[in-house]
Amino acid sequence: MNLHVINNGFFKLDGGAMFGVVPKSIWQKTNPADERNLCNWAMRSLLVEHEGRVVLIDNGIGNKQSEKFFSYYFLNGNDSLDKSLHKAGFNPDDITDNFLTHLHFDHCGGGVERHGDQYKMKFKDATYWSNSGHWDWATQPNPREKASFLTENIVPMQDSGQLRFLDQTQDSNLPFEVITMDGHTEKQMLPKIQYKDQTIVFMADLLPSVGHIPLAYVMGYDTRPLLTLEEKEQFLNEAADQQYILFLEHDGENECCTVKKTERGVRLDRTFPLSEIL
């Protein structure tokens, strides 16, 4: 198995929304905001190459939305999906599977491209993976999440015939296990990868950054924040006991971290690039 970090650039979101009830005087110590109260966040995917499969986990925000849409999110940085794939020695046609942790626009927008008035799949030979519970949630969105589930990111996957649901097949043969979490959104999926006698968990939006490790640091975007608290507590205790490596999708500075138990609860142990274990 080979692993490759795929950097899709950065975008900005309101710091208060990202940390919920935690006051700015506390969260800005780890995630400083600009003059508009916006913090910079990575869109970091992971490419898993194993036994002829090339599996991309999430794919960033893409570039097909309007100028007005992007004016809200301040895309920045020199990285892109295409550049990062090329740097790792791949192109979009090499992708056999695009595994989507969930269908919020910053996780799945790069998988569908606009060509004139038509939408086409970025990875023309790939299977796109979701699950039926989350698909129903995304295609019949609640008012709280409606702005995060964009039709042009989602429906073309089904129309293309390339969409499959992990919970409706016994033969996905994906090179990792999947943990399901419901606090952020219904049936978010976190890949759990066994690599060189270590366990790497792709954290998606259960843990966007190291600044979110303390239990109370829950995003305002979460649909069920109290459930997120329960899920985080159980998972982080397990991660500390089992010495999991946590791969961070949105942390602007840190690719990976480990956690440890302290008198104040589970806290950050150390941070490091994924290349340290490759």
C-alpha atoms as a PDB file:
ATOM      1  CA  MET A   1       0.000   0.000   0.000  1.00  0.00           C
ATOM      2  CA  ASN A   2       1.129   3.533  -0.830  1.00  0.00           C
ATOM      3  CA  LEU A   3      -0.359   6.743   0.569  1.00  0.00           C
ATOM      4  CA  HIS A   4      -0.190  10.206  -0.985  1.00  0.00           C
ATOM      5  CA  VAL A   5      -1.315  13.543   0.425  1.00  0.00           C
ATOM      6  CA  ILE A   6      -3.423  15.446  -2.113  1.00  0.00           C
ATOM      7  CA  ASN A   7      -3.693  19.160  -1.328  1.00  0.00           C
ATOM      8  CA  ASN A   8      -6.695  20.898  -2.899  1.00  0.00           C
ATOM      9  CA  GLY A   9      -5.933  24.430  -1.714  1.00  0.00           C
ATOM     10  CA  PHE A  10      -7.323  26.525   1.115  1.00  0.00           C
ATOM     11  CA  PHE A  11     -10.562  28.327   1.838  1.00  0.00           C
ATOM     12  CA  LYS A  12     -11.825  30.549   4.614  1.00  0.00           C
ATOM     13  CA  LEU A  13     -14.694  30.107   7.053  1.00  0.00           C
ATOM     14  CA  ASP A  14     -15.921  32.145   9.987  1.00  0.00           C
ATOM     15  CA  GLY A  15     -13.998  31.240  13.124  1.00  0.00           C
ATOM     16  CA  GLY A  16     -17.045  31.460  15.355  1.00  0.00           C
ATOM     17  CA  ALA A  17     -18.954  29.031  13.160  1.00  0.00           C
ATOM     18  CA  MET A  18     -16.023  26.620  13.227  1.00  0.00           C
ATOM     19  CA  PHE A  19     -15.781  26.595  17.021  1.00  0.00           C
ATOM     20  CA  GLY A  20     -19.394  26.955  18.120  1.00  0.00           C
ATOM     21  CA  VAL A  21     -19.818  28.103  21.721  1.00  0.00           C
ATOM     22  CA  VAL A  22     -16.069  28.411  22.394  1.00  0.00           C
ATOM     23  CA  PRO A  23     -15.150  32.134  22.612  1.00  0.00           C
ATOM     24  CA  LYS A  24     -12.741  33.689  20.144  1.00  0.00           C
ATOM     25  CA  SER A  25     -10.350  34.654  22.939  1.00  0.00           C
ATOM     26  CA  ILE A  26      -9.649  30.931  23.333  1.00  0.00           C
ATOM     27  CA  TRP A  27      -9.849  29.434  19.835  1.00  0.00           C
ATOM     28  CA  GLN A  28      -7.778  32.167  18.185  1.00  0.00           C
ATOM     29  CA  LYS A  29      -4.728  30.864  20.047  1.00  0.00           C
ATOM     30  CA  THR A  30      -4.628  27.835  17.741  1.00  0.00           C
ATOM     31  CA  ASN A  31      -6.537  29.225  14.749  1.00  0.00           C
ATOM     32  CA  PRO A  32      -5.917  32.970  14.356  1.00  0.00           C
ATOM     33  CA  ALA A  33      -8.542  34.871  12.382  1.00  0.00           C
ATOM     34  CA  ASP A  34      -8.140  37.727   9.926  1.00  0.00           C
ATOM     35  CA  GLU A  35      -9.811  41.129  10.194  1.00  0.00           C
ATOM     36  CA  ARG A  36     -13.090  39.613   8.949  1.00  0.00           C
ATOM     37  CA  ASN A  37     -13.043  36.913  11.615  1.00  0.00           C
ATOM     38  CA  LEU A  38     -12.205  34.279   8.977  1.00  0.00           C
ATOM     39  CA  CYS A  39      -9.785  31.408   9.559  1.00  0.00           C
ATOM     40  CA  ASN A  40      -7.909  29.634   6.782  1.00  0.00           C
ATOM     41  CA  TRP A  41      -8.661  25.939   6.312  1.00  0.00           C
ATOM     42  CA  ALA A  42      -7.046  23.256   4.201  1.00  0.00           C
ATOM     43  CA  MET A  43      -8.882  20.894   1.871  1.00  0.00           C
ATOM     44  CA  ARG A  44      -6.591  17.889   2.186  1.00  0.00           C
ATOM     45  CA  SER A  45      -7.421  14.593   0.524  1.00  0.00           C
ATOM     46  CA  LEU A  46      -5.674  11.248   0.825  1.00  0.00           C
ATOM     47  CA  LEU A  47      -4.854   8.924  -2.068  1.00  0.00           C
ATOM     48  CA  VAL A  48      -4.663   5.227  -1.185  1.00  0.00           C
ATOM     49  CA  GLU A  49      -2.912   3.022  -3.743  1.00  0.00           C
ATOM     50  CA  HIS A  50      -3.368  -0.691  -3.100  1.00  0.00           C
ATOM     51  CA  GLU A  51      -3.478  -3.830  -5.270  1.00  0.00           C
ATOM     52  CA  GLY A  52      -4.455  -2.052  -8.456  1.00  0.00           C
ATOM     53  CA  ARG A  53      -6.930   0.316  -6.803  1.00  0.00           C
ATOM     54  CA  VAL A  54      -6.293   4.062  -6.645  1.00  0.00           C
ATOM     55  CA  VAL A  55      -8.735   5.436  -4.085  1.00  0.00           C
ATOM     56  CA  LEU A  56      -9.089   9.181  -3.547  1.00  0.00           C
ATOM     57  CA  ILE A  57     -10.744  10.163  -0.259  1.00  0.00           C
ATOM     58  CA  ASP A  58     -12.739  13.392  -0.799  1.00  0.00           C
ATOM     59  CA  ASN A  59     -11.817  15.879  -3.532  1.00  0.00           C
ATOM     60  CA  GLY A  60     -12.133  19.484  -2.300  1.00  0.00           C
ATOM     61  CA  ILE A  61     -14.408  22.292  -3.419  1.00  0.00           C
ATOM     62  CA  GLY A  62     -13.858  22.242  -7.187  1.00  0.00           C
ATOM     63  CA  ASN A  63     -14.091  25.305  -9.441  1.00  0.00           C
ATOM     64  CA  LYS A  64     -17.481  25.220 -11.171  1.00  0.00           C
ATOM     65  CA  GLN A  65     -19.511  27.519  -8.919  1.00  0.00           C
ATOM     66  CA  SER A  66     -20.156  31.198  -9.594  1.00  0.00           C
ATOM     67  CA  GLU A  67     -17.854  34.083  -8.784  1.00  0.00           C
ATOM     68  CA  LYS A  68     -20.380  35.172  -6.162  1.00  0.00           C
ATOM     69  CA  PHE A  69     -20.256  31.766  -4.490  1.00  0.00           C
ATOM     70  CA  PHE A  70     -16.472  31.753  -4.276  1.00  0.00           C
ATOM     71  CA  SER A  71     -16.460  35.328  -2.966  1.00  0.00           C
ATOM     72  CA  TYR A  72     -17.833  33.913   0.302  1.00  0.00           C
ATOM     73  CA  TYR A  73     -14.995  31.434   0.782  1.00  0.00           C
ATOM     74  CA  PHE A  74     -11.821  33.215  -0.377  1.00  0.00           C
ATOM     75  CA  LEU A  75     -10.026  30.324  -2.061  1.00  0.00           C
ATOM     76  CA  ASN A  76      -6.273  30.734  -1.751  1.00  0.00           C
ATOM     77  CA  GLY A  77      -2.938  28.964  -2.081  1.00  0.00           C
ATOM     78  CA  ASN A  78      -1.083  27.412  -5.005  1.00  0.00           C
ATOM     79  CA  ASP A  79      -2.335  23.849  -4.599  1.00  0.00           C
ATOM     80  CA  SER A  80      -5.105  22.246  -6.634  1.00  0.00           C
ATOM     81  CA  LEU A  81      -6.476  18.766  -7.158  1.00  0.00           C
ATOM     82  CA  ASP A  82      -4.884  18.412 -10.593  1.00  0.00           C
ATOM     83  CA  LYS A  83      -1.506  19.769  -9.506  1.00  0.00           C
ATOM     84  CA  SER A  84      -1.374  17.506  -6.465  1.00  0.00           C
ATOM     85  CA  LEU A  85      -2.385  14.414  -8.408  1.00  0.00           C
ATOM     86  CA  HIS A  86       0.298  15.173 -11.003  1.00  0.00           C
ATOM     87  CA  LYS A  87       2.899  15.719  -8.283  1.00  0.00           C
ATOM     88  CA  ALA A  88       2.047  12.308  -6.838  1.00  0.00           C
ATOM     89  CA  GLY A  89       2.420  10.730 -10.284  1.00  0.00           C
ATOM     90  CA  PHE A  90      -1.252  10.381 -11.197  1.00  0.00           C
ATOM     91  CA  ASN A  91      -3.916  11.980 -13.351  1.00  0.00           C
ATOM     92  CA  PRO A  92      -7.720  11.964 -12.943  1.00  0.00           C
ATOM     93  CA  ASP A  93      -8.127   8.988 -15.286  1.00  0.00           C
ATOM     94  CA  ASP A  94      -6.034   6.855 -12.907  1.00  0.00           C
ATOM     95  CA  ILE A  95      -8.558   7.151 -10.076  1.00  0.00           C
ATOM     96  CA  THR A  96     -10.516   3.915  -9.657  1.00  0.00           C
ATOM     97  CA  ASP A  97     -12.572   5.036  -6.655  1.00  0.00           C
ATOM     98  CA  ASN A  98     -13.570   8.367  -5.158  1.00  0.00           C
ATOM     99  CA  PHE A  99     -14.654   7.771  -1.570  1.00  0.00           C
ATOM    100  CA  LEU A 100     -16.711  10.643  -0.170  1.00  0.00           C
ATOM    101  CA  THR A 101     -16.825  11.033   3.591  1.00  0.00           C
ATOM    102  CA  HIS A 102     -19.944  13.187   3.120  1.00  0.00           C
ATOM    103  CA  LEU A 103     -21.447  15.455   0.508  1.00  0.00           C
ATOM    104  CA  HIS A 104     -20.845  18.968   1.844  1.00  0.00           C
ATOM    105  CA  PHE A 105     -19.485  21.100  -1.000  1.00  0.00           C
ATOM    106  CA  ASP A 106     -15.925  21.366   0.339  1.00  0.00           C
ATOM    107  CA  HIS A 107     -15.599  17.574   0.350  1.00  0.00           C
ATOM    108  CA  CYS A 108     -17.191  16.556  -2.945  1.00  0.00           C
ATOM    109  CA  GLY A 109     -17.246  19.592  -5.270  1.00  0.00           C
ATOM    110  CA  GLY A 110     -14.093  18.600  -7.122  1.00  0.00           C
ATOM    111  CA  GLY A 111     -15.586  15.334  -8.360  1.00  0.00           C
ATOM    112  CA  VAL A 112     -17.935  16.956 -10.885  1.00  0.00           C
ATOM    113  CA  GLU A 113     -16.907  19.451 -13.571  1.00  0.00           C
ATOM    114  CA  ARG A 114     -18.946  21.885 -15.624  1.00  0.00           C
ATOM    115  CA  HIS A 115     -18.496  21.775 -19.406  1.00  0.00           C
ATOM    116  CA  GLY A 116     -20.724  24.464 -20.870  1.00  0.00           C
ATOM    117  CA  ASP A 117     -24.250  23.596 -19.816  1.00  0.00           C
ATOM    118  CA  GLN A 118     -23.353  20.022 -18.913  1.00  0.00           C
ATOM    119  CA  TYR A 119     -21.841  18.366 -15.877  1.00  0.00           C
ATOM    120  CA  LYS A 120     -19.275  15.611 -16.321  1.00  0.00           C
ATOM    121  CA  MET A 121     -17.449  13.414 -13.858  1.00  0.00           C
ATOM    122  CA  LYS A 122     -13.903  14.448 -13.035  1.00  0.00           C
ATOM    123  CA  PHE A 123     -12.878  10.808 -12.683  1.00  0.00           C
ATOM    124  CA  LYS A 124     -14.476   9.199 -15.714  1.00  0.00           C
ATOM    125  CA  ASP A 125     -13.530   5.618 -14.836  1.00  0.00           C
ATOM    126  CA  ALA A 126     -14.030   5.812 -11.066  1.00  0.00           C
ATOM    127  CA  THR A 127     -16.711   4.514  -8.759  1.00  0.00           C
ATOM    128  CA  TYR A 128     -18.040   7.266  -6.494  1.00  0.00           C
ATOM    129  CA  TRP A 129     -18.820   5.951  -3.002  1.00  0.00           C
ATOM    130  CA  SER A 130     -21.424   7.277  -0.577  1.00  0.00           C
ATOM    131  CA  ASN A 131     -24.069   5.510   1.547  1.00  0.00           C
ATOM    132  CA  SER A 132     -27.825   5.448   1.166  1.00  0.00           C
ATOM    133  CA  GLY A 133     -28.590   7.140   4.476  1.00  0.00           C
ATOM    134  CA  HIS A 134     -26.363  10.108   3.781  1.00  0.00           C
ATOM    135  CA  TRP A 135     -27.489  10.297   0.156  1.00  0.00           C
ATOM    136  CA  ASP A 136     -31.115  10.639   1.230  1.00  0.00           C
ATOM    137  CA  TRP A 137     -30.062  13.267   3.778  1.00  0.00           C
ATOM    138  CA  ALA A 138     -28.170  15.240   1.127  1.00  0.00           C
ATOM    139  CA  THR A 139     -30.758  15.038  -1.644  1.00  0.00           C
ATOM    140  CA  GLN A 140     -33.628  15.956   0.695  1.00  0.00           C
ATOM    141  CA  PRO A 141     -31.727  18.472   2.829  1.00  0.00           C
ATOM    142  CA  ASN A 142     -32.885  20.068   6.034  1.00  0.00           C
ATOM    143  CA  PRO A 143     -32.936  23.893   6.091  1.00  0.00           C
ATOM    144  CA  ARG A 144     -29.808  24.002   8.276  1.00  0.00           C
ATOM    145  CA  GLU A 145     -27.643  22.128   5.778  1.00  0.00           C
ATOM    146  CA  LYS A 146     -29.293  23.024   2.493  1.00  0.00           C
ATOM    147  CA  ALA A 147     -26.599  25.558   1.557  1.00  0.00           C
ATOM    148  CA  SER A 148     -23.907  22.882   1.983  1.00  0.00           C
ATOM    149  CA  PHE A 149     -25.531  20.294  -0.283  1.00  0.00           C
ATOM    150  CA  LEU A 150     -25.295  21.619  -3.834  1.00  0.00           C
ATOM    151  CA  THR A 151     -27.345  19.824  -6.485  1.00  0.00           C
ATOM    152  CA  GLU A 152     -24.665  20.259  -9.145  1.00  0.00           C
ATOM    153  CA  ASN A 153     -22.161  18.430  -6.938  1.00  0.00           C
ATOM    154  CA  ILE A 154     -24.437  15.537  -6.104  1.00  0.00           C
ATOM    155  CA  VAL A 155     -27.017  14.618  -8.750  1.00  0.00           C
ATOM    156  CA  PRO A 156     -24.500  14.180 -11.635  1.00  0.00           C
ATOM    157  CA  MET A 157     -22.891  11.322  -9.707  1.00  0.00           C
ATOM    158  CA  GLN A 158     -26.128   9.379  -9.849  1.00  0.00           C
ATOM    159  CA  ASP A 159     -26.923  10.422 -13.420  1.00  0.00           C
ATOM    160  CA  SER A 160     -23.519   9.177 -14.564  1.00  0.00           C
ATOM    161  CA  GLY A 161     -24.147   5.657 -13.300  1.00  0.00           C
ATOM    162  CA  GLN A 162     -20.882   5.782 -11.349  1.00  0.00           C
ATOM    163  CA  LEU A 163     -22.427   6.111  -7.877  1.00  0.00           C
ATOM    164  CA  ARG A 164     -22.533   3.189  -5.455  1.00  0.00           C
ATOM    165  CA  PHE A 165     -23.633   2.953  -1.844  1.00  0.00           C
ATOM    166  CA  LEU A 166     -21.266   1.251   0.569  1.00  0.00           C
ATOM    167  CA  ASP A 167     -24.106  -0.062   2.728  1.00  0.00           C
ATOM    168  CA  GLN A 168     -25.799  -1.774  -0.216  1.00  0.00           C
ATOM    169  CA  THR A 169     -22.909  -3.892  -1.471  1.00  0.00           C
ATOM    170  CA  GLN A 170     -20.791  -6.668  -0.046  1.00  0.00           C
ATOM    171  CA  ASP A 171     -17.985  -6.372  -2.597  1.00  0.00           C
ATOM    172  CA  SER A 172     -16.580  -2.841  -2.420  1.00  0.00           C
ATOM    173  CA  ASN A 173     -13.060  -4.217  -1.834  1.00  0.00           C
ATOM    174  CA  LEU A 174     -11.982  -0.810  -0.574  1.00  0.00           C
ATOM    175  CA  PRO A 175      -8.609  -0.996   1.173  1.00  0.00           C
ATOM    176  CA  PHE A 176      -9.878   0.273   4.522  1.00  0.00           C
ATOM    177  CA  GLU A 177     -12.600  -0.069   7.125  1.00  0.00           C
ATOM    178  CA  VAL A 178     -15.199   2.667   7.609  1.00  0.00           C
ATOM    179  CA  ILE A 179     -16.391   4.302  10.832  1.00  0.00           C
ATOM    180  CA  THR A 180     -19.785   6.021  10.680  1.00  0.00           C
ATOM    181  CA  MET A 181     -20.531   9.192  12.663  1.00  0.00           C
ATOM    182  CA  ASP A 182     -23.823  11.100  12.856  1.00  0.00           C
ATOM    183  CA  GLY A 183     -23.140  14.267  14.842  1.00  0.00           C
ATOM    184  CA  HIS A 184     -21.824  16.500  12.075  1.00  0.00           C
ATOM    185  CA  THR A 185     -24.216  15.183   9.444  1.00  0.00           C
ATOM    186  CA  GLU A 186     -26.111  11.953   8.902  1.00  0.00           C
ATOM    187  CA  LYS A 187     -23.831   8.948   8.271  1.00  0.00           C
ATOM    188  CA  GLN A 188     -20.495  10.706   7.780  1.00  0.00           C
ATOM    189  CA  MET A 189     -17.885   8.042   6.951  1.00  0.00           C
ATOM    190  CA  LEU A 190     -14.315   8.012   8.276  1.00  0.00           C
ATOM    191  CA  PRO A 191     -11.822   5.649   6.585  1.00  0.00           C
ATOM    192  CA  LYS A 192      -9.708   3.604   8.999  1.00  0.00           C
ATOM    193  CA  ILE A 193      -6.558   2.477   7.220  1.00  0.00           C
ATOM    194  CA  GLN A 194      -4.079  -0.191   8.328  1.00  0.00           C
ATOM    195  CA  TYR A 195      -0.626   0.853   7.180  1.00  0.00           C
ATOM    196  CA  LYS A 196       2.774  -0.449   8.288  1.00  0.00           C
ATOM    197  CA  ASP A 197       1.367  -1.882  11.541  1.00  0.00           C
ATOM    198  CA  GLN A 198      -0.237   1.457  12.327  1.00  0.00           C
ATOM    199  CA  THR A 199      -3.826   2.705  12.155  1.00  0.00           C
ATOM    200  CA  ILE A 200      -4.515   5.945  10.292  1.00  0.00           C
ATOM    201  CA  VAL A 201      -7.982   7.487  10.522  1.00  0.00           C
ATOM    202  CA  PHE A 202      -9.102  10.105   8.007  1.00  0.00           C
ATOM    203  CA  MET A 203     -10.885  12.513  10.335  1.00  0.00           C
ATOM    204  CA  ALA A 204     -13.058  14.533   7.874  1.00  0.00           C
ATOM    205  CA  ASP A 205     -15.294  16.801   9.978  1.00  0.00           C
ATOM    206  CA  LEU A 206     -15.320  14.864  13.229  1.00  0.00           C
ATOM    207  CA  LEU A 207     -11.997  16.570  13.975  1.00  0.00           C
ATOM    208  CA  PRO A 208     -11.241  19.360  11.479  1.00  0.00           C
ATOM    209  CA  SER A 209      -8.024  20.506  13.187  1.00  0.00           C
ATOM    210  CA  VAL A 210      -5.883  20.034  16.271  1.00  0.00           C
ATOM    211  CA  GLY A 211      -7.691  23.077  17.667  1.00  0.00           C
ATOM    212  CA  HIS A 212     -10.851  20.962  17.864  1.00  0.00           C
ATOM    213  CA  ILE A 213      -9.478  18.211  20.113  1.00  0.00           C
ATOM    214  CA  PRO A 214     -10.998  19.437  23.438  1.00  0.00           C
ATOM    215  CA  LEU A 215     -14.525  18.042  23.670  1.00  0.00           C
ATOM    216  CA  ALA A 216     -16.384  21.351  23.830  1.00  0.00           C
ATOM    217  CA  TYR A 217     -14.760  22.575  20.608  1.00  0.00           C
ATOM    218  CA  VAL A 218     -17.584  21.540  18.288  1.00  0.00           C
ATOM    219  CA  MET A 219     -18.450  23.274  15.037  1.00  0.00           C
ATOM    220  CA  GLY A 220     -21.566  25.400  14.780  1.00  0.00           C
ATOM    221  CA  TYR A 221     -22.206  23.568  11.497  1.00  0.00           C
ATOM    222  CA  ASP A 222     -22.869  20.255  13.279  1.00  0.00           C
ATOM    223  CA  THR A 223     -26.493  19.183  13.126  1.00  0.00           C
ATOM    224  CA  ARG A 224     -26.348  17.280  16.422  1.00  0.00           C
ATOM    225  CA  PRO A 225     -23.627  18.905  18.549  1.00  0.00           C
ATOM    226  CA  LEU A 226     -24.359  16.862  21.671  1.00  0.00           C
ATOM    227  CA  LEU A 227     -23.990  13.676  19.658  1.00  0.00           C
ATOM    228  CA  THR A 228     -20.704  14.996  18.260  1.00  0.00           C
ATOM    229  CA  LEU A 229     -19.513  15.400  21.850  1.00  0.00           C
ATOM    230  CA  GLU A 230     -20.316  11.760  22.575  1.00  0.00           C
ATOM    231  CA  GLU A 231     -18.736  10.540  19.344  1.00  0.00           C
ATOM    232  CA  LYS A 232     -15.590  12.607  19.876  1.00  0.00           C
ATOM    233  CA  GLU A 233     -15.169  11.453  23.464  1.00  0.00           C
ATOM    234  CA  GLN A 234     -15.497   7.778  22.597  1.00  0.00           C
ATOM    235  CA  PHE A 235     -13.293   8.025  19.525  1.00  0.00           C
ATOM    236  CA  LEU A 236     -10.531  10.166  21.049  1.00  0.00           C
ATOM    237  CA  ASN A 237     -10.227   7.873  24.073  1.00  0.00           C
ATOM    238  CA  GLU A 238      -9.889   4.929  21.706  1.00  0.00           C
ATOM    239  CA  ALA A 239      -7.389   6.872  19.563  1.00  0.00           C
ATOM    240  CA  ALA A 240      -5.264   7.645  22.620  1.00  0.00           C
ATOM    241  CA  ASP A 241      -5.368   4.041  23.881  1.00  0.00           C
ATOM    242  CA  GLN A 242      -4.642   2.524  20.463  1.00  0.00           C
ATOM    243  CA  GLN A 243      -2.180   5.216  19.336  1.00  0.00           C
ATOM    244  CA  TYR A 244      -4.065   6.020  16.137  1.00  0.00           C
ATOM    245  CA  ILE A 245      -2.607   8.483  13.660  1.00  0.00           C
ATOM    246  CA  LEU A 246      -5.260  11.098  12.867  1.00  0.00           C
ATOM    247  CA  PHE A 247      -5.131  12.501   9.330  1.00  0.00           C
ATOM    248  CA  LEU A 248      -6.503  16.047   9.380  1.00  0.00           C
ATOM    249  CA  GLU A 249      -8.456  17.201   6.342  1.00  0.00           C
ATOM    250  CA  HIS A 250      -8.914  20.851   7.309  1.00  0.00           C
ATOM    251  CA  ASP A 251      -5.989  21.790   9.561  1.00  0.00           C
ATOM    252  CA  GLY A 252      -4.098  24.555   7.771  1.00  0.00           C
ATOM    253  CA  GLU A 253      -0.743  23.645   9.316  1.00  0.00           C
ATOM    254  CA  ASN A 254      -0.763  20.008  10.390  1.00  0.00           C
ATOM    255  CA  GLU A 255      -1.317  16.890   8.290  1.00  0.00           C
ATOM    256  CA  CYS A 256      -1.326  14.365  11.121  1.00  0.00           C
ATOM    257  CA  CYS A 257      -1.462  14.183  14.881  1.00  0.00           C
ATOM    258  CA  THR A 258      -1.678  11.770  17.765  1.00  0.00           C
ATOM    259  CA  VAL A 259      -3.497  12.304  21.058  1.00  0.00           C
ATOM    260  CA  LYS A 260      -2.896  11.295  24.659  1.00  0.00           C
ATOM    261  CA  LYS A 261      -4.848  11.111  27.888  1.00  0.00           C
ATOM    262  CA  THR A 262      -4.201  13.794  30.517  1.00  0.00           C
ATOM    263  CA  GLU A 263      -5.815  14.957  33.740  1.00  0.00           C
ATOM    264  CA  ARG A 264      -7.827  17.434  31.621  1.00  0.00           C
ATOM    265  CA  GLY A 265      -9.024  14.760  29.230  1.00  0.00           C
ATOM    266  CA  VAL A 266      -7.647  13.752  25.822  1.00  0.00           C
ATOM    267  CA  ARG A 267      -5.252  16.348  24.444  1.00  0.00           C
ATOM    268  CA  LEU A 268      -2.813  16.776  21.584  1.00  0.00           C
ATOM    269  CA  ASP A 269       0.291  14.601  21.779  1.00  0.00           C
ATOM    270  CA  ARG A 270       2.284  15.584  18.690  1.00  0.00           C
ATOM    271  CA  THR A 271       1.884  16.745  15.092  1.00  0.00           C
ATOM    272  CA  PHE A 272       3.840  15.588  12.042  1.00  0.00           C
ATOM    273  CA  PRO A 273       3.588  15.260   8.227  1.00  0.00           C
ATOM    274  CA  LEU A 274       2.358  11.990   6.797  1.00  0.00           C
ATOM    275  CA  SER A 275       5.756  11.599   5.105  1.00  0.00           C
ATOM    276  CA  GLU A 276       7.221  10.822   8.521  1.00  0.00           C
ATOM    277  CA  ILE A 277       5.635   7.358   8.401  1.00  0.00           C
ATOM    278  CA  LEU A 278       5.775   6.656   4.648  1.00  0.00           C
END
